[in-house]
Amino acid sequence: WYRQAPGKQRELVATITRAGNTNYADSVKGRFTISRDNAKNT
């Protein structure tokens, strides 16, 4: 997941690997959670 605010560059928010390992931008740690459902391709 990435985000882009007006007038700013697109920035990484969070990633999740095929194994379910996650990584977060410092600005969202503790507030945002990334997850995936491979059965739903979502």
Full PDB file with SEQRES, HELIX, SHEET, SSBOND, CRYST1, ORIGX, SCALE, CONECT and MASTER records, all heavy atoms in Angstrom:
SEQRES   1 A   42  TRP TYR ARG GLN ALA PRO GLY LYS GLN ARG GLU LEU VAL          
SEQRES   2 A   42  ALA THR ILE THR ARG ALA GLY ASN THR ASN TYR ALA ASP          
SEQRES   3 A   42  SER VAL LYS GLY ARG PHE THR ILE SER ARG ASP ASN ALA          
SEQRES   4 A   42  LYS ASN THR                                                  
SHEET    1 AA1 2 TYR A   2  ARG A   3  0                                        
SHEET    2 AA1 2 GLU A  11  LEU A  12 -1                                        
SHEET    1 AA2 2 ALA A  14  ILE A  16  0                                        
SHEET    2 AA2 2 THR A  22  TYR A  24 -1                                        
CRYST1    1.000    1.000    1.000  90.00  90.00  90.00 P 1           1          
ORIGX1      1.000000  0.000000  0.000000        0.00000                         
ORIGX2      0.000000  1.000000  0.000000        0.00000                         
ORIGX3      0.000000  0.000000  1.000000        0.00000                         
SCALE1      1.000000  0.000000  0.000000        0.00000                         
SCALE2      0.000000  1.000000  0.000000        0.00000                         
SCALE3      0.000000  0.000000  1.000000        0.00000                         
ATOM      1  N   TRP A   1       0.865  -1.177   0.000  1.00  0.00           N  
ATOM      2  CA  TRP A   1       0.000   0.000   0.000  1.00  0.00           C  
ATOM      3  C   TRP A   1       0.905   1.231   0.000  1.00  0.00           C  
ATOM      4  O   TRP A   1       1.879   1.300   0.771  1.00  0.00           O  
ATOM      5  CB  TRP A   1      -0.903   0.033   1.231  1.00  0.00           C  
ATOM      6  CG  TRP A   1      -2.067  -0.886   1.152  1.00  0.00           C  
ATOM      7  CD1 TRP A   1      -2.184  -2.123   1.720  1.00  0.00           C  
ATOM      8  CD2 TRP A   1      -3.306  -0.643   0.465  1.00  0.00           C  
ATOM      9  NE1 TRP A   1      -3.400  -2.668   1.426  1.00  0.00           N  
ATOM     10  CE2 TRP A   1      -4.118  -1.772   0.664  1.00  0.00           C  
ATOM     11  CE3 TRP A   1      -3.807   0.413  -0.292  1.00  0.00           C  
ATOM     12  CZ2 TRP A   1      -5.402  -1.880   0.132  1.00  0.00           C  
ATOM     13  CZ3 TRP A   1      -5.073   0.311  -0.814  1.00  0.00           C  
ATOM     14  CH2 TRP A   1      -5.862  -0.835  -0.603  1.00  0.00           C  
ATOM     15  N   TYR A   2       0.568   2.175  -0.860  1.00  0.00           N  
ATOM     16  CA  TYR A   2       1.283   3.444  -0.973  1.00  0.00           C  
ATOM     17  C   TYR A   2       0.262   4.571  -0.845  1.00  0.00           C  
ATOM     18  O   TYR A   2      -0.947   4.341  -1.008  1.00  0.00           O  
ATOM     19  CB  TYR A   2       1.991   3.553  -2.325  1.00  0.00           C  
ATOM     20  CG  TYR A   2       3.115   2.565  -2.524  1.00  0.00           C  
ATOM     21  CD1 TYR A   2       2.858   1.221  -2.734  1.00  0.00           C  
ATOM     22  CD2 TYR A   2       4.446   2.979  -2.499  1.00  0.00           C  
ATOM     23  CE1 TYR A   2       3.888   0.301  -2.914  1.00  0.00           C  
ATOM     24  CE2 TYR A   2       5.486   2.080  -2.683  1.00  0.00           C  
ATOM     25  CZ  TYR A   2       5.193   0.748  -2.890  1.00  0.00           C  
ATOM     26  OH  TYR A   2       6.218  -0.158  -3.073  1.00  0.00           O  
ATOM     27  N   ARG A   3       0.748   5.771  -0.611  1.00  0.00           N  
ATOM     28  CA  ARG A   3      -0.156   6.925  -0.580  1.00  0.00           C  
ATOM     29  C   ARG A   3       0.539   8.143  -1.170  1.00  0.00           C  
ATOM     30  O   ARG A   3       1.768   8.239  -1.148  1.00  0.00           O  
ATOM     31  CB  ARG A   3      -0.648   7.201   0.829  1.00  0.00           C  
ATOM     32  CG  ARG A   3       0.423   7.678   1.802  1.00  0.00           C  
ATOM     33  CD  ARG A   3      -0.159   7.789   3.209  1.00  0.00           C  
ATOM     34  NE  ARG A   3       0.824   8.264   4.184  1.00  0.00           N  
ATOM     35  CZ  ARG A   3       0.598   8.326   5.491  1.00  0.00           C  
ATOM     36  NH1 ARG A   3      -0.590   7.947   5.983  1.00  0.00           N  
ATOM     37  NH2 ARG A   3       1.533   8.773   6.300  1.00  0.00           N  
ATOM     38  N   GLN A   4      -0.279   9.037  -1.674  1.00  0.00           N  
ATOM     39  CA  GLN A   4       0.236  10.274  -2.255  1.00  0.00           C  
ATOM     40  C   GLN A   4      -0.686  11.417  -1.883  1.00  0.00           C  
ATOM     41  O   GLN A   4      -1.869  11.417  -2.249  1.00  0.00           O  
ATOM     42  CB  GLN A   4       0.360  10.163  -3.772  1.00  0.00           C  
ATOM     43  CG  GLN A   4       1.063  11.340  -4.415  1.00  0.00           C  
ATOM     44  CD  GLN A   4       1.449  11.075  -5.851  1.00  0.00           C  
ATOM     45  OE1 GLN A   4       0.936  10.164  -6.502  1.00  0.00           O  
ATOM     46  NE2 GLN A   4       2.383  11.854  -6.362  1.00  0.00           N  
ATOM     47  N   ALA A   5      -0.130  12.362  -1.143  1.00  0.00           N  
ATOM     48  CA  ALA A   5      -0.870  13.566  -0.779  1.00  0.00           C  
ATOM     49  C   ALA A   5      -0.620  14.628  -1.844  1.00  0.00           C  
ATOM     50  O   ALA A   5       0.396  14.588  -2.551  1.00  0.00           O  
ATOM     51  CB  ALA A   5      -0.412  14.061   0.589  1.00  0.00           C  
ATOM     52  N   PRO A   6      -1.525  15.597  -1.970  1.00  0.00           N  
ATOM     53  CA  PRO A   6      -1.353  16.652  -2.978  1.00  0.00           C  
ATOM     54  C   PRO A   6      -0.014  17.363  -2.818  1.00  0.00           C  
ATOM     55  O   PRO A   6       0.366  17.760  -1.710  1.00  0.00           O  
ATOM     56  CB  PRO A   6      -2.518  17.595  -2.700  1.00  0.00           C  
ATOM     57  CG  PRO A   6      -3.554  16.733  -2.070  1.00  0.00           C  
ATOM     58  CD  PRO A   6      -2.800  15.734  -1.242  1.00  0.00           C  
ATOM     59  N   GLY A   7       0.716  17.488  -3.920  1.00  0.00           N  
ATOM     60  CA  GLY A   7       1.989  18.187  -3.888  1.00  0.00           C  
ATOM     61  C   GLY A   7       3.143  17.401  -3.317  1.00  0.00           C  
ATOM     62  O   GLY A   7       4.253  17.931  -3.172  1.00  0.00           O  
ATOM     63  N   LYS A   8       2.902  16.136  -2.971  1.00  0.00           N  
ATOM     64  CA  LYS A   8       3.957  15.314  -2.380  1.00  0.00           C  
ATOM     65  C   LYS A   8       4.207  14.082  -3.232  1.00  0.00           C  
ATOM     66  O   LYS A   8       3.374  13.687  -4.051  1.00  0.00           O  
ATOM     67  CB  LYS A   8       3.577  14.899  -0.961  1.00  0.00           C  
ATOM     68  CG  LYS A   8       3.483  16.068   0.017  1.00  0.00           C  
ATOM     69  CD  LYS A   8       3.296  15.575   1.434  1.00  0.00           C  
ATOM     70  CE  LYS A   8       3.296  16.734   2.418  1.00  0.00           C  
ATOM     71  NZ  LYS A   8       3.135  16.266   3.829  1.00  0.00           N  
ATOM     72  N   GLN A   9       5.362  13.468  -2.997  1.00  0.00           N  
ATOM     73  CA  GLN A   9       5.687  12.239  -3.710  1.00  0.00           C  
ATOM     74  C   GLN A   9       4.914  11.066  -3.121  1.00  0.00           C  
ATOM     75  O   GLN A   9       4.536  11.070  -1.946  1.00  0.00           O  
ATOM     76  CB  GLN A   9       7.191  11.971  -3.621  1.00  0.00           C  
ATOM     77  CG  GLN A   9       8.042  12.908  -4.447  1.00  0.00           C  
ATOM     78  CD  GLN A   9       9.489  12.459  -4.539  1.00  0.00           C  
ATOM     79  OE1 GLN A   9      10.017  11.839  -3.614  1.00  0.00           O  
ATOM     80  NE2 GLN A   9      10.135  12.742  -5.655  1.00  0.00           N  
ATOM     81  N   ARG A  10       4.707  10.055  -3.956  1.00  0.00           N  
ATOM     82  CA  ARG A  10       4.077   8.837  -3.478  1.00  0.00           C  
ATOM     83  C   ARG A  10       5.030   8.154  -2.497  1.00  0.00           C  
ATOM     84  O   ARG A  10       6.226   8.070  -2.743  1.00  0.00           O  
ATOM     85  CB  ARG A  10       3.761   7.913  -4.646  1.00  0.00           C  
ATOM     86  CG  ARG A  10       2.863   6.747  -4.301  1.00  0.00           C  
ATOM     87  CD  ARG A  10       2.380   6.025  -5.549  1.00  0.00           C  
ATOM     88  NE  ARG A  10       1.542   6.886  -6.381  1.00  0.00           N  
ATOM     89  CZ  ARG A  10       0.859   6.441  -7.438  1.00  0.00           C  
ATOM     90  NH1 ARG A  10       0.926   5.161  -7.783  1.00  0.00           N  
ATOM     91  NH2 ARG A  10       0.139   7.273  -8.154  1.00  0.00           N  
ATOM     92  N   GLU A  11       4.481   7.675  -1.396  1.00  0.00           N  
ATOM     93  CA  GLU A  11       5.312   7.052  -0.372  1.00  0.00           C  
ATOM     94  C   GLU A  11       4.758   5.697   0.028  1.00  0.00           C  
ATOM     95  O   GLU A  11       3.555   5.454  -0.021  1.00  0.00           O  
ATOM     96  CB  GLU A  11       5.409   7.950   0.876  1.00  0.00           C  
ATOM     97  CG  GLU A  11       4.098   8.186   1.591  1.00  0.00           C  
ATOM     98  CD  GLU A  11       4.258   8.987   2.876  1.00  0.00           C  
ATOM     99  OE1 GLU A  11       5.393   9.391   3.214  1.00  0.00           O  
ATOM    100  OE2 GLU A  11       3.239   9.210   3.552  1.00  0.00           O  
ATOM    101  N   LEU A  12       5.682   4.830   0.451  1.00  0.00           N  
ATOM    102  CA  LEU A  12       5.303   3.499   0.901  1.00  0.00           C  
ATOM    103  C   LEU A  12       4.626   3.593   2.259  1.00  0.00           C  
ATOM    104  O   LEU A  12       5.101   4.291   3.155  1.00  0.00           O  
ATOM    105  CB  LEU A  12       6.540   2.619   0.995  1.00  0.00           C  
ATOM    106  CG  LEU A  12       6.338   1.227   1.563  1.00  0.00           C  
ATOM    107  CD1 LEU A  12       5.522   0.376   0.616  1.00  0.00           C  
ATOM    108  CD2 LEU A  12       7.675   0.566   1.854  1.00  0.00           C  
ATOM    109  N   VAL A  13       3.517   2.874   2.405  1.00  0.00           N  
ATOM    110  CA  VAL A  13       2.823   2.790   3.687  1.00  0.00           C  
ATOM    111  C   VAL A  13       3.111   1.460   4.363  1.00  0.00           C  
ATOM    112  O   VAL A  13       3.510   1.418   5.528  1.00  0.00           O  
ATOM    113  CB  VAL A  13       1.308   2.978   3.504  1.00  0.00           C  
ATOM    114  CG1 VAL A  13       0.582   2.781   4.829  1.00  0.00           C  
ATOM    115  CG2 VAL A  13       1.007   4.348   2.905  1.00  0.00           C  
ATOM    116  N   ALA A  14       2.904   0.378   3.627  1.00  0.00           N  
ATOM    117  CA  ALA A  14       3.095  -0.954   4.210  1.00  0.00           C  
ATOM    118  C   ALA A  14       3.232  -1.982   3.108  1.00  0.00           C  
ATOM    119  O   ALA A  14       2.725  -1.779   2.000  1.00  0.00           O  
ATOM    120  CB  ALA A  14       1.911  -1.324   5.110  1.00  0.00           C  
ATOM    121  N   THR A  15       3.919  -3.064   3.420  1.00  0.00           N  
ATOM    122  CA  THR A  15       4.016  -4.191   2.498  1.00  0.00           C  
ATOM    123  C   THR A  15       3.782  -5.491   3.248  1.00  0.00           C  
ATOM    124  O   THR A  15       3.976  -5.569   4.470  1.00  0.00           O  
ATOM    125  CB  THR A  15       5.384  -4.274   1.801  1.00  0.00           C  
ATOM    126  OG1 THR A  15       6.404  -4.419   2.809  1.00  0.00           O  
ATOM    127  CG2 THR A  15       5.668  -3.056   0.953  1.00  0.00           C  
ATOM    128  N   ILE A  16       3.368  -6.513   2.492  1.00  0.00           N  
ATOM    129  CA  ILE A  16       3.208  -7.842   3.056  1.00  0.00           C  
ATOM    130  C   ILE A  16       3.709  -8.843   2.025  1.00  0.00           C  
ATOM    131  O   ILE A  16       3.321  -8.787   0.855  1.00  0.00           O  
ATOM    132  CB  ILE A  16       1.745  -8.117   3.472  1.00  0.00           C  
ATOM    133  CG1 ILE A  16       1.625  -9.484   4.144  1.00  0.00           C  
ATOM    134  CG2 ILE A  16       0.774  -7.975   2.308  1.00  0.00           C  
ATOM    135  CD1 ILE A  16       0.286  -9.672   4.882  1.00  0.00           C  
ATOM    136  N   THR A  17       4.598  -9.727   2.455  1.00  0.00           N  
ATOM    137  CA  THR A  17       5.169 -10.698   1.530  1.00  0.00           C  
ATOM    138  C   THR A  17       4.234 -11.880   1.343  1.00  0.00           C  
ATOM    139  O   THR A  17       3.210 -12.020   2.023  1.00  0.00           O  
ATOM    140  CB  THR A  17       6.516 -11.213   2.054  1.00  0.00           C  
ATOM    141  OG1 THR A  17       6.273 -12.020   3.230  1.00  0.00           O  
ATOM    142  CG2 THR A  17       7.454 -10.076   2.396  1.00  0.00           C  
ATOM    143  N   ARG A  18       4.616 -12.765   0.436  1.00  0.00           N  
ATOM    144  CA  ARG A  18       3.825 -13.973   0.209  1.00  0.00           C  
ATOM    145  C   ARG A  18       3.768 -14.830   1.459  1.00  0.00           C  
ATOM    146  O   ARG A  18       2.818 -15.580   1.659  1.00  0.00           O  
ATOM    147  CB  ARG A  18       4.407 -14.755  -0.963  1.00  0.00           C  
ATOM    148  CG  ARG A  18       5.852 -15.132  -0.802  1.00  0.00           C  
ATOM    149  CD  ARG A  18       6.462 -15.689  -2.078  1.00  0.00           C  
ATOM    150  NE  ARG A  18       5.906 -16.990  -2.427  1.00  0.00           N  
ATOM    151  CZ  ARG A  18       6.296 -17.692  -3.483  1.00  0.00           C  
ATOM    152  NH1 ARG A  18       7.217 -17.210  -4.297  1.00  0.00           N  
ATOM    153  NH2 ARG A  18       5.755 -18.863  -3.743  1.00  0.00           N  
ATOM    154  N   ALA A  19       4.788 -14.712   2.303  1.00  0.00           N  
ATOM    155  CA  ALA A  19       4.825 -15.484   3.544  1.00  0.00           C  
ATOM    156  C   ALA A  19       4.097 -14.797   4.687  1.00  0.00           C  
ATOM    157  O   ALA A  19       4.003 -15.350   5.782  1.00  0.00           O  
ATOM    158  CB  ALA A  19       6.277 -15.741   3.949  1.00  0.00           C  
ATOM    159  N   GLY A  20       3.626 -13.580   4.438  1.00  0.00           N  
ATOM    160  CA  GLY A  20       2.898 -12.857   5.477  1.00  0.00           C  
ATOM    161  C   GLY A  20       3.755 -11.935   6.323  1.00  0.00           C  
ATOM    162  O   GLY A  20       3.261 -11.376   7.306  1.00  0.00           O  
ATOM    163  N   ASN A  21       5.008 -11.749   5.947  1.00  0.00           N  
ATOM    164  CA  ASN A  21       5.848 -10.816   6.676  1.00  0.00           C  
ATOM    165  C   ASN A  21       5.480  -9.387   6.302  1.00  0.00           C  
ATOM    166  O   ASN A  21       5.272  -9.084   5.125  1.00  0.00           O  
ATOM    167  CB  ASN A  21       7.320 -11.068   6.369  1.00  0.00           C  
ATOM    168  CG  ASN A  21       7.756 -12.452   6.804  1.00  0.00           C  
ATOM    169  OD1 ASN A  21       7.481 -12.881   7.921  1.00  0.00           O  
ATOM    170  ND2 ASN A  21       8.425 -13.175   5.908  1.00  0.00           N  
ATOM    171  N   THR A  22       5.423  -8.526   7.293  1.00  0.00           N  
ATOM    172  CA  THR A  22       4.944  -7.167   7.067  1.00  0.00           C  
ATOM    173  C   THR A  22       6.023  -6.131   7.372  1.00  0.00           C  
ATOM    174  O   THR A  22       6.949  -6.371   8.150  1.00  0.00           O  
ATOM    175  CB  THR A  22       3.713  -6.870   7.942  1.00  0.00           C  
ATOM    176  OG1 THR A  22       4.057  -7.066   9.319  1.00  0.00           O  
ATOM    177  CG2 THR A  22       2.560  -7.774   7.566  1.00  0.00           C  
ATOM    178  N   ASN A  23       5.858  -4.980   6.754  1.00  0.00           N  
ATOM    179  CA  ASN A  23       6.760  -3.855   6.957  1.00  0.00           C  
ATOM    180  C   ASN A  23       5.927  -2.582   6.884  1.00  0.00           C  
ATOM    181  O   ASN A  23       5.000  -2.499   6.068  1.00  0.00           O  
ATOM    182  CB  ASN A  23       7.840  -3.833   5.876  1.00  0.00           C  
ATOM    183  CG  ASN A  23       8.815  -2.698   6.063  1.00  0.00           C  
ATOM    184  OD1 ASN A  23       9.440  -2.581   7.103  1.00  0.00           O  
ATOM    185  ND2 ASN A  23       8.938  -1.839   5.062  1.00  0.00           N  
ATOM    186  N   TYR A  24       6.239  -1.607   7.756  1.00  0.00           N  
ATOM    187  CA  TYR A  24       5.435  -0.385   7.825  1.00  0.00           C  
ATOM    188  C   TYR A  24       6.321   0.858   7.820  1.00  0.00           C  
ATOM    189  O   TYR A  24       7.435   0.845   8.360  1.00  0.00           O  
ATOM    190  CB  TYR A  24       4.602  -0.363   9.117  1.00  0.00           C  
ATOM    191  CG  TYR A  24       3.591  -1.464   9.215  1.00  0.00           C  
ATOM    192  CD1 TYR A  24       3.896  -2.668   9.835  1.00  0.00           C  
ATOM    193  CD2 TYR A  24       2.315  -1.300   8.674  1.00  0.00           C  
ATOM    194  CE1 TYR A  24       2.973  -3.684   9.928  1.00  0.00           C  
ATOM    195  CE2 TYR A  24       1.376  -2.316   8.756  1.00  0.00           C  
ATOM    196  CZ  TYR A  24       1.713  -3.500   9.380  1.00  0.00           C  
ATOM    197  OH  TYR A  24       0.789  -4.510   9.460  1.00  0.00           O  
ATOM    198  N   ALA A  25       5.785   1.924   7.254  1.00  0.00           N  
ATOM    199  CA  ALA A  25       6.425   3.225   7.405  1.00  0.00           C  
ATOM    200  C   ALA A  25       6.340   3.620   8.879  1.00  0.00           C  
ATOM    201  O   ALA A  25       5.367   3.305   9.568  1.00  0.00           O  
ATOM    202  CB  ALA A  25       5.719   4.258   6.544  1.00  0.00           C  
ATOM    203  N   ASP A  26       7.358   4.332   9.340  1.00  0.00           N  
ATOM    204  CA  ASP A  26       7.376   4.731  10.750  1.00  0.00           C  
ATOM    205  C   ASP A  26       6.141   5.543  11.115  1.00  0.00           C  
ATOM    206  O   ASP A  26       5.639   5.451  12.240  1.00  0.00           O  
ATOM    207  CB  ASP A  26       8.632   5.551  11.040  1.00  0.00           C  
ATOM    208  CG  ASP A  26       9.898   4.703  11.069  1.00  0.00           C  
ATOM    209  OD1 ASP A  26       9.782   3.462  11.178  1.00  0.00           O  
ATOM    210  OD2 ASP A  26      10.992   5.279  10.974  1.00  0.00           O  
ATOM    211  N   SER A  27       5.636   6.315  10.169  1.00  0.00           N  
ATOM    212  CA  SER A  27       4.519   7.218  10.449  1.00  0.00           C  
ATOM    213  C   SER A  27       3.218   6.485  10.727  1.00  0.00           C  
ATOM    214  O   SER A  27       2.278   7.081  11.274  1.00  0.00           O  
ATOM    215  CB  SER A  27       4.325   8.191   9.289  1.00  0.00           C  
ATOM    216  OG  SER A  27       4.079   7.483   8.086  1.00  0.00           O  
ATOM    217  N   VAL A  28       3.132   5.208  10.359  1.00  0.00           N  
ATOM    218  CA  VAL A  28       1.872   4.468  10.546  1.00  0.00           C  
ATOM    219  C   VAL A  28       2.010   3.282  11.482  1.00  0.00           C  
ATOM    220  O   VAL A  28       1.011   2.622  11.794  1.00  0.00           O  
ATOM    221  CB  VAL A  28       1.284   4.003   9.202  1.00  0.00           C  
ATOM    222  CG1 VAL A  28       1.145   5.180   8.235  1.00  0.00           C  
ATOM    223  CG2 VAL A  28       2.119   2.888   8.580  1.00  0.00           C  
ATOM    224  N   LYS A  29       3.221   3.002  11.937  1.00  0.00           N  
ATOM    225  CA  LYS A  29       3.424   1.855  12.829  1.00  0.00           C  
ATOM    226  C   LYS A  29       2.559   1.973  14.072  1.00  0.00           C  
ATOM    227  O   LYS A  29       2.462   3.040  14.680  1.00  0.00           O  
ATOM    228  CB  LYS A  29       4.899   1.768  13.244  1.00  0.00           C  
ATOM    229  CG  LYS A  29       5.792   1.134  12.206  1.00  0.00           C  
ATOM    230  CD  LYS A  29       7.229   1.057  12.688  1.00  0.00           C  
ATOM    231  CE  LYS A  29       8.133   0.457  11.632  1.00  0.00           C  
ATOM    232  NZ  LYS A  29       9.558   0.469  12.037  1.00  0.00           N  
ATOM    233  N   GLY A  30       1.917   0.869  14.412  1.00  0.00           N  
ATOM    234  CA  GLY A  30       1.057   0.855  15.588  1.00  0.00           C  
ATOM    235  C   GLY A  30      -0.352   1.331  15.323  1.00  0.00           C  
ATOM    236  O   GLY A  30      -1.236   1.184  16.174  1.00  0.00           O  
ATOM    237  N   ARG A  31      -0.595   1.912  14.148  1.00  0.00           N  
ATOM    238  CA  ARG A  31      -1.943   2.410  13.810  1.00  0.00           C  
ATOM    239  C   ARG A  31      -2.552   1.666  12.624  1.00  0.00           C  
ATOM    240  O   ARG A  31      -3.757   1.457  12.581  1.00  0.00           O  
ATOM    241  CB  ARG A  31      -1.889   3.904  13.479  1.00  0.00           C  
ATOM    242  CG  ARG A  31      -1.371   4.775  14.606  1.00  0.00           C  
ATOM    243  CD  ARG A  31      -1.531   6.257  14.279  1.00  0.00           C  
ATOM    244  NE  ARG A  31      -0.763   6.667  13.105  1.00  0.00           N  
ATOM    245  CZ  ARG A  31      -1.304   7.228  12.028  1.00  0.00           C  
ATOM    246  NH1 ARG A  31      -2.614   7.459  11.968  1.00  0.00           N  
ATOM    247  NH2 ARG A  31      -0.525   7.589  11.007  1.00  0.00           N  
ATOM    248  N   PHE A  32      -1.713   1.289  11.671  1.00  0.00           N  
ATOM    249  CA  PHE A  32      -2.185   0.609  10.454  1.00  0.00           C  
ATOM    250  C   PHE A  32      -1.762  -0.855  10.492  1.00  0.00           C  
ATOM    251  O   PHE A  32      -0.691  -1.189  11.004  1.00  0.00           O  
ATOM    252  CB  PHE A  32      -1.589   1.256   9.216  1.00  0.00           C  
ATOM    253  CG  PHE A  32      -2.081   2.642   8.892  1.00  0.00           C  
ATOM    254  CD1 PHE A  32      -2.851   3.370   9.789  1.00  0.00           C  
ATOM    255  CD2 PHE A  32      -1.785   3.212   7.662  1.00  0.00           C  
ATOM    256  CE1 PHE A  32      -3.298   4.647   9.481  1.00  0.00           C  
ATOM    257  CE2 PHE A  32      -2.216   4.482   7.335  1.00  0.00           C  
ATOM    258  CZ  PHE A  32      -2.972   5.202   8.248  1.00  0.00           C  
ATOM    259  N   THR A  33      -2.599  -1.703   9.893  1.00  0.00           N  
ATOM    260  CA  THR A  33      -2.281  -3.123   9.778  1.00  0.00           C  
ATOM    261  C   THR A  33      -2.585  -3.593   8.366  1.00  0.00           C  
ATOM    262  O   THR A  33      -3.709  -3.427   7.884  1.00  0.00           O  
ATOM    263  CB  THR A  33      -3.098  -3.958  10.773  1.00  0.00           C  
ATOM    264  OG1 THR A  33      -2.850  -3.507  12.109  1.00  0.00           O  
ATOM    265  CG2 THR A  33      -2.715  -5.434  10.676  1.00  0.00           C  
ATOM    266  N   ILE A  34      -1.589  -4.178   7.731  1.00  0.00           N  
ATOM    267  CA  ILE A  34      -1.780  -4.762   6.406  1.00  0.00           C  
ATOM    268  C   ILE A  34      -2.004  -6.263   6.561  1.00  0.00           C  
ATOM    269  O   ILE A  34      -1.380  -6.911   7.423  1.00  0.00           O  
ATOM    270  CB  ILE A  34      -0.571  -4.470   5.482  1.00  0.00           C  
ATOM    271  CG1 ILE A  34      -0.860  -4.887   4.043  1.00  0.00           C  
ATOM    272  CG2 ILE A  34       0.708  -5.102   6.011  1.00  0.00           C  
ATOM    273  CD1 ILE A  34       0.200  -4.429   3.044  1.00  0.00           C  
ATOM    274  N   SER A  35      -2.904  -6.801   5.746  1.00  0.00           N  
ATOM    275  CA  SER A  35      -3.163  -8.234   5.784  1.00  0.00           C  
ATOM    276  C   SER A  35      -3.581  -8.678   4.394  1.00  0.00           C  
ATOM    277  O   SER A  35      -3.857  -7.846   3.526  1.00  0.00           O  
ATOM    278  CB  SER A  35      -4.245  -8.576   6.817  1.00  0.00           C  
ATOM    279  OG  SER A  35      -5.467  -7.949   6.494  1.00  0.00           O  
ATOM    280  N   ARG A  36      -3.627  -9.978   4.196  1.00  0.00           N  
ATOM    281  CA  ARG A  36      -4.019 -10.488   2.883  1.00  0.00           C  
ATOM    282  C   ARG A  36      -4.841 -11.748   3.054  1.00  0.00           C  
ATOM    283  O   ARG A  36      -4.687 -12.498   4.026  1.00  0.00           O  
ATOM    284  CB  ARG A  36      -2.781 -10.762   2.028  1.00  0.00           C  
ATOM    285  CG  ARG A  36      -1.872 -11.870   2.518  1.00  0.00           C  
ATOM    286  CD  ARG A  36      -0.548 -11.890   1.747  1.00  0.00           C  
ATOM    287  NE  ARG A  36      -0.733 -12.144   0.324  1.00  0.00           N  
ATOM    288  CZ  ARG A  36       0.155 -11.837  -0.618  1.00  0.00           C  
ATOM    289  NH1 ARG A  36       1.297 -11.267  -0.278  1.00  0.00           N  
ATOM    290  NH2 ARG A  36      -0.095 -12.114  -1.880  1.00  0.00           N  
ATOM    291  N   ASP A  37      -5.700 -11.975   2.065  1.00  0.00           N  
ATOM    292  CA  ASP A  37      -6.495 -13.191   1.988  1.00  0.00           C  
ATOM    293  C   ASP A  37      -6.261 -13.759   0.603  1.00  0.00           C  
ATOM    294  O   ASP A  37      -6.854 -13.288  -0.377  1.00  0.00           O  
ATOM    295  CB  ASP A  37      -7.978 -12.884   2.232  1.00  0.00           C  
ATOM    296  CG  ASP A  37      -8.833 -14.131   2.278  1.00  0.00           C  
ATOM    297  OD1 ASP A  37      -8.423 -15.180   1.739  1.00  0.00           O  
ATOM    298  OD2 ASP A  37      -9.941 -14.057   2.846  1.00  0.00           O  
ATOM    299  N   ASN A  38      -5.402 -14.757   0.515  1.00  0.00           N  
ATOM    300  CA  ASN A  38      -5.040 -15.298  -0.796  1.00  0.00           C  
ATOM    301  C   ASN A  38      -6.220 -16.016  -1.452  1.00  0.00           C  
ATOM    302  O   ASN A  38      -6.280 -16.097  -2.681  1.00  0.00           O  
ATOM    303  CB  ASN A  38      -3.847 -16.239  -0.674  1.00  0.00           C  
ATOM    304  CG  ASN A  38      -2.548 -15.500  -0.359  1.00  0.00           C  
ATOM    305  OD1 ASN A  38      -2.422 -14.308  -0.643  1.00  0.00           O  
ATOM    306  ND2 ASN A  38      -1.606 -16.208   0.225  1.00  0.00           N  
ATOM    307  N   ALA A  39      -7.135 -16.525  -0.661  1.00  0.00           N  
ATOM    308  CA  ALA A  39      -8.302 -17.192  -1.235  1.00  0.00           C  
ATOM    309  C   ALA A  39      -9.209 -16.203  -1.950  1.00  0.00           C  
ATOM    310  O   ALA A  39      -9.938 -16.571  -2.881  1.00  0.00           O  
ATOM    311  CB  ALA A  39      -9.082 -17.913  -0.145  1.00  0.00           C  
ATOM    312  N   LYS A  40      -9.150 -14.940  -1.523  1.00  0.00           N  
ATOM    313  CA  LYS A  40      -9.983 -13.894  -2.136  1.00  0.00           C  
ATOM    314  C   LYS A  40      -9.175 -12.964  -3.031  1.00  0.00           C  
ATOM    315  O   LYS A  40      -9.712 -11.981  -3.540  1.00  0.00           O  
ATOM    316  CB  LYS A  40     -10.677 -13.079  -1.042  1.00  0.00           C  
ATOM    317  CG  LYS A  40     -11.679 -13.876  -0.225  1.00  0.00           C  
ATOM    318  CD  LYS A  40     -12.375 -12.989   0.803  1.00  0.00           C  
ATOM    319  CE  LYS A  40     -13.407 -13.777   1.592  1.00  0.00           C  
ATOM    320  NZ  LYS A  40     -14.100 -12.930   2.590  1.00  0.00           N  
ATOM    321  N   ASN A  41      -7.881 -13.251  -3.184  1.00  0.00           N  
ATOM    322  CA  ASN A  41      -7.007 -12.386  -3.995  1.00  0.00           C  
ATOM    323  C   ASN A  41      -7.114 -10.929  -3.557  1.00  0.00           C  
ATOM    324  O   ASN A  41      -7.169 -10.013  -4.397  1.00  0.00           O  
ATOM    325  CB  ASN A  41      -7.352 -12.505  -5.496  1.00  0.00           C  
ATOM    326  CG  ASN A  41      -6.907 -13.816  -6.099  1.00  0.00           C  
ATOM    327  OD1 ASN A  41      -6.311 -14.657  -5.428  1.00  0.00           O  
ATOM    328  ND2 ASN A  41      -7.210 -14.011  -7.359  1.00  0.00           N  
ATOM    329  N   THR A  42      -7.114 -10.715  -2.267  1.00  0.00           N  
ATOM    330  CA  THR A  42      -7.354  -9.379  -1.730  1.00  0.00           C  
ATOM    331  C   THR A  42      -6.345  -9.038  -0.643  1.00  0.00           C  
ATOM    332  O   THR A  42      -6.010  -9.895   0.189  1.00  0.00           O  
ATOM    333  CB  THR A  42      -8.784  -9.271  -1.168  1.00  0.00           C  
ATOM    334  OG1 THR A  42      -9.722  -9.548  -2.217  1.00  0.00           O  
ATOM    335  CG2 THR A  42      -9.064  -7.883  -0.621  1.00  0.00           C  
TER     336      THR A  42                                                      
MASTER        0    0    0    0    4    0    0    6  335    1    0    4          
END                                                                             
